[in-house]
Every structure is written in C-alpha cells, then in structure tokens.
Amino acid sequence: MFVLAHLVAGLLIGLIFWKVSGDRRAVAVGAVGGVLSDVIDKPLGHIFLKGSVDYGRIYFHGLVVLLVLLILGLALWRYRGAILGIVLAAGIFSHQIMDGMWRHPVEWYWPFLGPYPKHHYTDYFWNSFWREVSEPSEWLLFIAAGIILGLFYRRELGGFCTRVLVAPLRRLIRAVAARFTAPHCER
C-alpha cells in the first residue's frame, strides 16, 4: 500500500477518535499511527538488515508489537484517561489491514511461525519513490490529506485555509454542479 493511503486512513481514524473523545491530538496521533509501521520497518529492514532479511514488513507490521502497544494504550487510558495510545494502535492496525498482512502469516505472527523469510530488492527506495509519484491515487490522496488537515486546522491557519482550500473547492463543486444541472440545448 502507498504512504498517503496509510496517512489518510490514519487521519480518518484520528478524526473519529477526536469526535468521540474531544481530544484534538487524536488526529495527529492517528496519522502517525497510519504511517509509523513503514517509517520504522522500511529503513530497518532495507538498510540495517539488508544483508539478512532485506524486507520492510517486520516488527511494526506484526501482531506482537500491535498487541504490546494496544495493552500500553489501554493502560494509559485506564490510569490517565488519555486515549492517544489506543489511537496509535488503531492507526497501526489500519496499516496492517491495508497491507493485507494476513496474507503473510510468518511476518504477521512473528516469532510464532519461525524466522522472517529472506528477500532481495534492488534499489528498493528508488523504485518505491517512482511507484509513489506515478500512482494517480496518491496524488488524489495527497489533495485529500491536505483538505482534511486544512479543514481540521482552519482556525489555526486563519484565512489561508479559506483562500487556498475552501474557496477553490467551492468553485469546483459549483462548476461541476452547473455543468450537470444546466439545461441542454438541442440543435
């Protein structure tokens, strides 16, 4: 799965937890949780473990780390009343689901099904970069993430949000609506 898809999923999870708990920090923590697995595992697997595993779905793509973080999040919520640990775990879980980790049981259930299988990638980061920038859905998700963040932080951004995000979006919606609701002339 692509980075911005994970980011937008984390943002949406954070928005849900914000609405439930009233803690605005949940949005940022959800976004971090959505991308944290790749931020940690990709460099670790493809740089530091290149000679052995060379795989970017290791520790933070597994259920053991998720379970540990969820237990810590539940303890934090129980004893401090803070929901942010649960939000982080929910973001990481969404990442695992979007990556389809159930199709990779050795990695998802590690260490219970044995060691990680060895992989080999040539220029992993360079190839991943080009996959990201050439994927049209990533550009749409980039715009969606910008709109979500802009609307969420519109108070902090002031008029910038209205000028850059809301006004052009309104004009686009009006133009599309006018195009489809205008009477059609027959010749």
C-alpha atoms as a PDB file:
ATOM      1  CA  MET A   1       0.000   0.000   0.000  1.00  0.00           C
ATOM      2  CA  PHE A   2       1.120   3.532  -0.626  1.00  0.00           C
ATOM      3  CA  VAL A   3       2.177   6.044   2.036  1.00  0.00           C
ATOM      4  CA  LEU A   4      -0.583   8.586   1.512  1.00  0.00           C
ATOM      5  CA  ALA A   5      -3.276   5.902   1.636  1.00  0.00           C
ATOM      6  CA  HIS A   6      -1.988   4.955   5.083  1.00  0.00           C
ATOM      7  CA  LEU A   7      -1.795   8.625   6.088  1.00  0.00           C
ATOM      8  CA  VAL A   8      -5.389   9.361   5.061  1.00  0.00           C
ATOM      9  CA  ALA A   9      -6.635   6.220   6.838  1.00  0.00           C
ATOM     10  CA  GLY A  10      -4.803   7.328   9.982  1.00  0.00           C
ATOM     11  CA  LEU A  11      -6.254  10.825   9.679  1.00  0.00           C
ATOM     12  CA  LEU A  12      -9.771   9.427   9.398  1.00  0.00           C
ATOM     13  CA  ILE A  13      -9.206   7.193  12.432  1.00  0.00           C
ATOM     14  CA  GLY A  14      -7.885  10.215  14.330  1.00  0.00           C
ATOM     15  CA  LEU A  15     -10.943  12.261  13.350  1.00  0.00           C
ATOM     16  CA  ILE A  16     -13.249   9.535  14.640  1.00  0.00           C
ATOM     17  CA  PHE A  17     -11.398   9.328  17.961  1.00  0.00           C
ATOM     18  CA  TRP A  18     -11.372  13.137  18.206  1.00  0.00           C
ATOM     19  CA  LYS A  19     -15.145  13.237  17.776  1.00  0.00           C
ATOM     20  CA  VAL A  20     -15.583  10.507  20.402  1.00  0.00           C
ATOM     21  CA  SER A  21     -13.065  11.791  22.954  1.00  0.00           C
ATOM     22  CA  GLY A  22     -12.845  15.524  22.218  1.00  0.00           C
ATOM     23  CA  ASP A  23      -9.028  15.318  22.182  1.00  0.00           C
ATOM     24  CA  ARG A  24      -7.778  17.131  19.053  1.00  0.00           C
ATOM     25  CA  ARG A  25      -4.377  15.463  19.370  1.00  0.00           C
ATOM     26  CA  ALA A  26      -6.023  12.209  18.260  1.00  0.00           C
ATOM     27  CA  VAL A  27      -5.941  13.402  14.637  1.00  0.00           C
ATOM     28  CA  ALA A  28      -2.156  13.800  14.588  1.00  0.00           C
ATOM     29  CA  VAL A  29      -1.607  10.581  16.559  1.00  0.00           C
ATOM     30  CA  GLY A  30      -3.894   8.659  14.189  1.00  0.00           C
ATOM     31  CA  ALA A  31      -1.927   9.980  11.207  1.00  0.00           C
ATOM     32  CA  VAL A  32       1.361   8.974  12.838  1.00  0.00           C
ATOM     33  CA  GLY A  33      -0.042   5.528  13.611  1.00  0.00           C
ATOM     34  CA  GLY A  34      -1.110   5.118   9.996  1.00  0.00           C
ATOM     35  CA  VAL A  35       2.431   5.561   8.668  1.00  0.00           C
ATOM     36  CA  LEU A  36       4.571   4.506  11.649  1.00  0.00           C
ATOM     37  CA  SER A  37       4.937   0.885  10.545  1.00  0.00           C
ATOM     38  CA  ASP A  38       6.629   1.902   7.303  1.00  0.00           C
ATOM     39  CA  VAL A  39       8.635   4.705   8.895  1.00  0.00           C
ATOM     40  CA  ILE A  40      10.243   2.200  11.259  1.00  0.00           C
ATOM     41  CA  ASP A  41      10.253  -1.085   9.336  1.00  0.00           C
ATOM     42  CA  LYS A  42      11.311   0.056   5.851  1.00  0.00           C
ATOM     43  CA  PRO A  43      14.621   1.663   6.876  1.00  0.00           C
ATOM     44  CA  LEU A  44      15.257  -1.038   9.463  1.00  0.00           C
ATOM     45  CA  GLY A  45      14.615  -3.904   7.055  1.00  0.00           C
ATOM     46  CA  HIS A  46      16.038  -2.464   3.844  1.00  0.00           C
ATOM     47  CA  ILE A  47      19.070  -0.623   5.267  1.00  0.00           C
ATOM     48  CA  PHE A  48      20.124  -2.121   8.597  1.00  0.00           C
ATOM     49  CA  LEU A  49      19.025  -5.700   7.867  1.00  0.00           C
ATOM     50  CA  LYS A  50      19.791  -5.632   4.135  1.00  0.00           C
ATOM     51  CA  GLY A  51      22.339  -8.429   4.394  1.00  0.00           C
ATOM     52  CA  SER A  52      19.955 -10.794   6.183  1.00  0.00           C
ATOM     53  CA  VAL A  53      16.224 -10.074   5.857  1.00  0.00           C
ATOM     54  CA  ASP A  54      16.014  -7.176   3.349  1.00  0.00           C
ATOM     55  CA  TYR A  55      12.289  -6.840   3.954  1.00  0.00           C
ATOM     56  CA  GLY A  56      10.231  -3.823   5.006  1.00  0.00           C
ATOM     57  CA  ARG A  57       7.405  -5.605   6.804  1.00  0.00           C
ATOM     58  CA  ILE A  58       8.915  -6.788  10.034  1.00  0.00           C
ATOM     59  CA  TYR A  59       8.317  -5.769  13.658  1.00  0.00           C
ATOM     60  CA  PHE A  60       5.725  -2.984  13.338  1.00  0.00           C
ATOM     61  CA  HIS A  61       3.817  -4.985  10.739  1.00  0.00           C
ATOM     62  CA  GLY A  62       3.302  -7.799  13.256  1.00  0.00           C
ATOM     63  CA  LEU A  63       0.632  -8.551  15.802  1.00  0.00           C
ATOM     64  CA  VAL A  64       3.076  -8.787  18.729  1.00  0.00           C
ATOM     65  CA  VAL A  65       4.076  -5.115  18.548  1.00  0.00           C
ATOM     66  CA  LEU A  66       0.454  -4.146  17.919  1.00  0.00           C
ATOM     67  CA  LEU A  67      -0.702  -6.094  20.949  1.00  0.00           C
ATOM     68  CA  VAL A  68       2.003  -4.544  23.175  1.00  0.00           C
ATOM     69  CA  LEU A  69       1.054  -1.030  22.026  1.00  0.00           C
ATOM     70  CA  LEU A  70      -2.645  -1.745  22.484  1.00  0.00           C
ATOM     71  CA  ILE A  71      -2.075  -3.006  26.045  1.00  0.00           C
ATOM     72  CA  LEU A  72       0.009   0.090  26.828  1.00  0.00           C
ATOM     73  CA  GLY A  73      -2.701   2.269  25.264  1.00  0.00           C
ATOM     74  CA  LEU A  74      -5.423   0.623  27.323  1.00  0.00           C
ATOM     75  CA  ALA A  75      -3.343   1.046  30.500  1.00  0.00           C
ATOM     76  CA  LEU A  76      -2.749   4.711  29.645  1.00  0.00           C
ATOM     77  CA  TRP A  77      -6.465   5.191  29.102  1.00  0.00           C
ATOM     78  CA  ARG A  78      -7.393   3.311  32.279  1.00  0.00           C
ATOM     79  CA  TYR A  79      -4.981   5.093  34.610  1.00  0.00           C
ATOM     80  CA  ARG A  80      -4.536   8.503  32.950  1.00  0.00           C
ATOM     81  CA  GLY A  81      -7.722   8.901  30.951  1.00  0.00           C
ATOM     82  CA  ALA A  82      -5.706   9.510  27.771  1.00  0.00           C
ATOM     83  CA  ILE A  83      -6.951   7.799  24.637  1.00  0.00           C
ATOM     84  CA  LEU A  84      -3.909   8.560  22.477  1.00  0.00           C
ATOM     85  CA  GLY A  85      -2.239   5.154  22.956  1.00  0.00           C
ATOM     86  CA  ILE A  86      -5.358   3.428  21.657  1.00  0.00           C
ATOM     87  CA  VAL A  87      -5.472   5.833  18.702  1.00  0.00           C
ATOM     88  CA  LEU A  88      -1.852   4.999  17.851  1.00  0.00           C
ATOM     89  CA  ALA A  89      -2.603   1.265  17.989  1.00  0.00           C
ATOM     90  CA  ALA A  90      -5.708   1.748  15.816  1.00  0.00           C
ATOM     91  CA  GLY A  91      -3.622   3.605  13.223  1.00  0.00           C
ATOM     92  CA  ILE A  92      -1.030   0.829  13.182  1.00  0.00           C
ATOM     93  CA  PHE A  93      -3.778  -1.804  12.903  1.00  0.00           C
ATOM     94  CA  SER A  94      -5.289   0.033   9.921  1.00  0.00           C
ATOM     95  CA  HIS A  95      -1.848  -0.041   8.303  1.00  0.00           C
ATOM     96  CA  GLN A  96      -1.605  -3.798   8.806  1.00  0.00           C
ATOM     97  CA  ILE A  97      -5.085  -4.363   7.394  1.00  0.00           C
ATOM     98  CA  MET A  98      -4.413  -2.166   4.351  1.00  0.00           C
ATOM     99  CA  ASP A  99      -1.168  -4.070   3.729  1.00  0.00           C
ATOM    100  CA  GLY A 100      -3.071  -7.367   3.882  1.00  0.00           C
ATOM    101  CA  MET A 101      -0.749  -8.810   6.490  1.00  0.00           C
ATOM    102  CA  TRP A 102      -2.993 -11.863   6.991  1.00  0.00           C
ATOM    103  CA  ARG A 103      -1.663 -12.996   3.591  1.00  0.00           C
ATOM    104  CA  HIS A 104       1.852 -13.006   5.123  1.00  0.00           C
ATOM    105  CA  PRO A 105       1.321 -15.119   8.261  1.00  0.00           C
ATOM    106  CA  VAL A 106       5.041 -15.636   9.019  1.00  0.00           C
ATOM    107  CA  GLU A 107       5.556 -11.875   9.255  1.00  0.00           C
ATOM    108  CA  TRP A 108       2.211 -11.070  10.902  1.00  0.00           C
ATOM    109  CA  TYR A 109       2.511 -13.723  13.624  1.00  0.00           C
ATOM    110  CA  TRP A 110       6.283 -13.407  14.070  1.00  0.00           C
ATOM    111  CA  PRO A 111       8.007 -15.014  16.041  1.00  0.00           C
ATOM    112  CA  PHE A 112       5.451 -17.821  16.428  1.00  0.00           C
ATOM    113  CA  LEU A 113       5.736 -19.243  12.880  1.00  0.00           C
ATOM    114  CA  GLY A 114       9.507 -19.061  12.579  1.00  0.00           C
ATOM    115  CA  PRO A 115      12.027 -16.537  11.314  1.00  0.00           C
ATOM    116  CA  TYR A 116      11.407 -13.926   8.659  1.00  0.00           C
ATOM    117  CA  PRO A 117      11.947 -15.226   5.145  1.00  0.00           C
ATOM    118  CA  LYS A 118      14.829 -13.671   3.234  1.00  0.00           C
ATOM    119  CA  HIS A 119      14.034 -11.283   0.408  1.00  0.00           C
ATOM    120  CA  HIS A 120      16.105  -9.368  -2.098  1.00  0.00           C
ATOM    121  CA  TYR A 121      15.235  -5.964  -3.527  1.00  0.00           C
ATOM    122  CA  THR A 122      17.277  -3.916  -5.961  1.00  0.00           C
ATOM    123  CA  ASP A 123      17.152  -0.172  -5.243  1.00  0.00           C
ATOM    124  CA  TYR A 124      14.085  -0.541  -3.038  1.00  0.00           C
ATOM    125  CA  PHE A 125      13.765   3.124  -2.028  1.00  0.00           C
ATOM    126  CA  TRP A 126      14.342   4.480  -5.551  1.00  0.00           C
ATOM    127  CA  ASN A 127      11.774   2.109  -7.054  1.00  0.00           C
ATOM    128  CA  SER A 128       9.303   2.880  -4.261  1.00  0.00           C
ATOM    129  CA  PHE A 129       9.705   6.602  -4.846  1.00  0.00           C
ATOM    130  CA  TRP A 130       8.803   6.212  -8.521  1.00  0.00           C
ATOM    131  CA  ARG A 131       5.848   3.963  -7.695  1.00  0.00           C
ATOM    132  CA  GLU A 132       4.570   6.643  -5.307  1.00  0.00           C
ATOM    133  CA  VAL A 133       4.854   9.620  -7.658  1.00  0.00           C
ATOM    134  CA  SER A 134       3.478   7.749 -10.678  1.00  0.00           C
ATOM    135  CA  GLU A 135       0.356   6.481  -8.909  1.00  0.00           C
ATOM    136  CA  PRO A 136      -2.657   8.762  -9.628  1.00  0.00           C
ATOM    137  CA  SER A 137      -4.461   7.694  -6.460  1.00  0.00           C
ATOM    138  CA  GLU A 138      -1.548   9.002  -4.391  1.00  0.00           C
ATOM    139  CA  TRP A 139      -1.979  12.464  -5.906  1.00  0.00           C
ATOM    140  CA  LEU A 140      -5.683  12.384  -5.086  1.00  0.00           C
ATOM    141  CA  LEU A 141      -4.920  11.210  -1.556  1.00  0.00           C
ATOM    142  CA  PHE A 142      -2.332  13.988  -1.226  1.00  0.00           C
ATOM    143  CA  ILE A 143      -5.058  16.502  -2.055  1.00  0.00           C
ATOM    144  CA  ALA A 144      -7.495  14.722   0.301  1.00  0.00           C
ATOM    145  CA  ALA A 145      -4.953  14.792   3.148  1.00  0.00           C
ATOM    146  CA  GLY A 146      -4.350  18.493   2.523  1.00  0.00           C
ATOM    147  CA  ILE A 147      -8.069  19.228   2.580  1.00  0.00           C
ATOM    148  CA  ILE A 148      -8.644  17.165   5.739  1.00  0.00           C
ATOM    149  CA  LEU A 149      -5.753  18.819   7.560  1.00  0.00           C
ATOM    150  CA  GLY A 150      -6.657  22.259   6.245  1.00  0.00           C
ATOM    151  CA  LEU A 151     -10.253  21.980   7.346  1.00  0.00           C
ATOM    152  CA  PHE A 152      -9.306  20.495  10.696  1.00  0.00           C
ATOM    153  CA  TYR A 153      -6.752  23.224  11.436  1.00  0.00           C
ATOM    154  CA  ARG A 154      -8.676  26.066   9.773  1.00  0.00           C
ATOM    155  CA  ARG A 155      -8.816  28.091  12.984  1.00  0.00           C
ATOM    156  CA  GLU A 156      -5.056  27.880  13.391  1.00  0.00           C
ATOM    157  CA  LEU A 157      -4.481  28.656   9.709  1.00  0.00           C
ATOM    158  CA  GLY A 158      -6.919  31.572   9.630  1.00  0.00           C
ATOM    159  CA  GLY A 159      -7.837  32.955   6.210  1.00  0.00           C
ATOM    160  CA  PHE A 160      -5.162  30.868   4.493  1.00  0.00           C
ATOM    161  CA  CYS A 161      -7.363  27.786   4.676  1.00  0.00           C
ATOM    162  CA  THR A 162     -10.354  29.567   3.160  1.00  0.00           C
ATOM    163  CA  ARG A 163      -8.343  31.156   0.348  1.00  0.00           C
ATOM    164  CA  VAL A 164      -6.291  28.100  -0.592  1.00  0.00           C
ATOM    165  CA  LEU A 165      -8.559  25.136   0.158  1.00  0.00           C
ATOM    166  CA  VAL A 166     -12.201  26.012   0.715  1.00  0.00           C
ATOM    167  CA  ALA A 167     -12.777  28.700  -1.933  1.00  0.00           C
ATOM    168  CA  PRO A 168     -11.274  26.694  -4.843  1.00  0.00           C
ATOM    169  CA  LEU A 169     -13.137  23.580  -3.709  1.00  0.00           C
ATOM    170  CA  ARG A 170     -16.419  25.534  -3.626  1.00  0.00           C
ATOM    171  CA  ARG A 171     -15.747  26.915  -7.119  1.00  0.00           C
ATOM    172  CA  LEU A 172     -15.018  23.415  -8.421  1.00  0.00           C
ATOM    173  CA  ILE A 173     -18.206  21.988  -6.895  1.00  0.00           C
ATOM    174  CA  ARG A 174     -20.286  24.865  -8.300  1.00  0.00           C
ATOM    175  CA  ALA A 175     -18.749  24.447 -11.762  1.00  0.00           C
ATOM    176  CA  VAL A 176     -19.423  20.715 -11.785  1.00  0.00           C
ATOM    177  CA  ALA A 177     -22.963  21.241 -10.475  1.00  0.00           C
ATOM    178  CA  ALA A 178     -23.635  23.933 -13.088  1.00  0.00           C
ATOM    179  CA  ARG A 179     -22.379  21.658 -15.836  1.00  0.00           C
ATOM    180  CA  PHE A 180     -24.723  18.850 -14.880  1.00  0.00           C
ATOM    181  CA  THR A 181     -27.774  20.948 -13.961  1.00  0.00           C
ATOM    182  CA  ALA A 182     -27.735  23.407 -16.858  1.00  0.00           C
ATOM    183  CA  PRO A 183     -30.478  22.862 -19.433  1.00  0.00           C
ATOM    184  CA  HIS A 184     -29.133  21.177 -22.510  1.00  0.00           C
ATOM    185  CA  CYS A 185     -29.748  22.907 -25.811  1.00  0.00           C
ATOM    186  CA  GLU A 186     -30.830  20.770 -28.710  1.00  0.00           C
ATOM    187  CA  ARG A 187     -29.992  21.729 -32.238  1.00  0.00           C
END
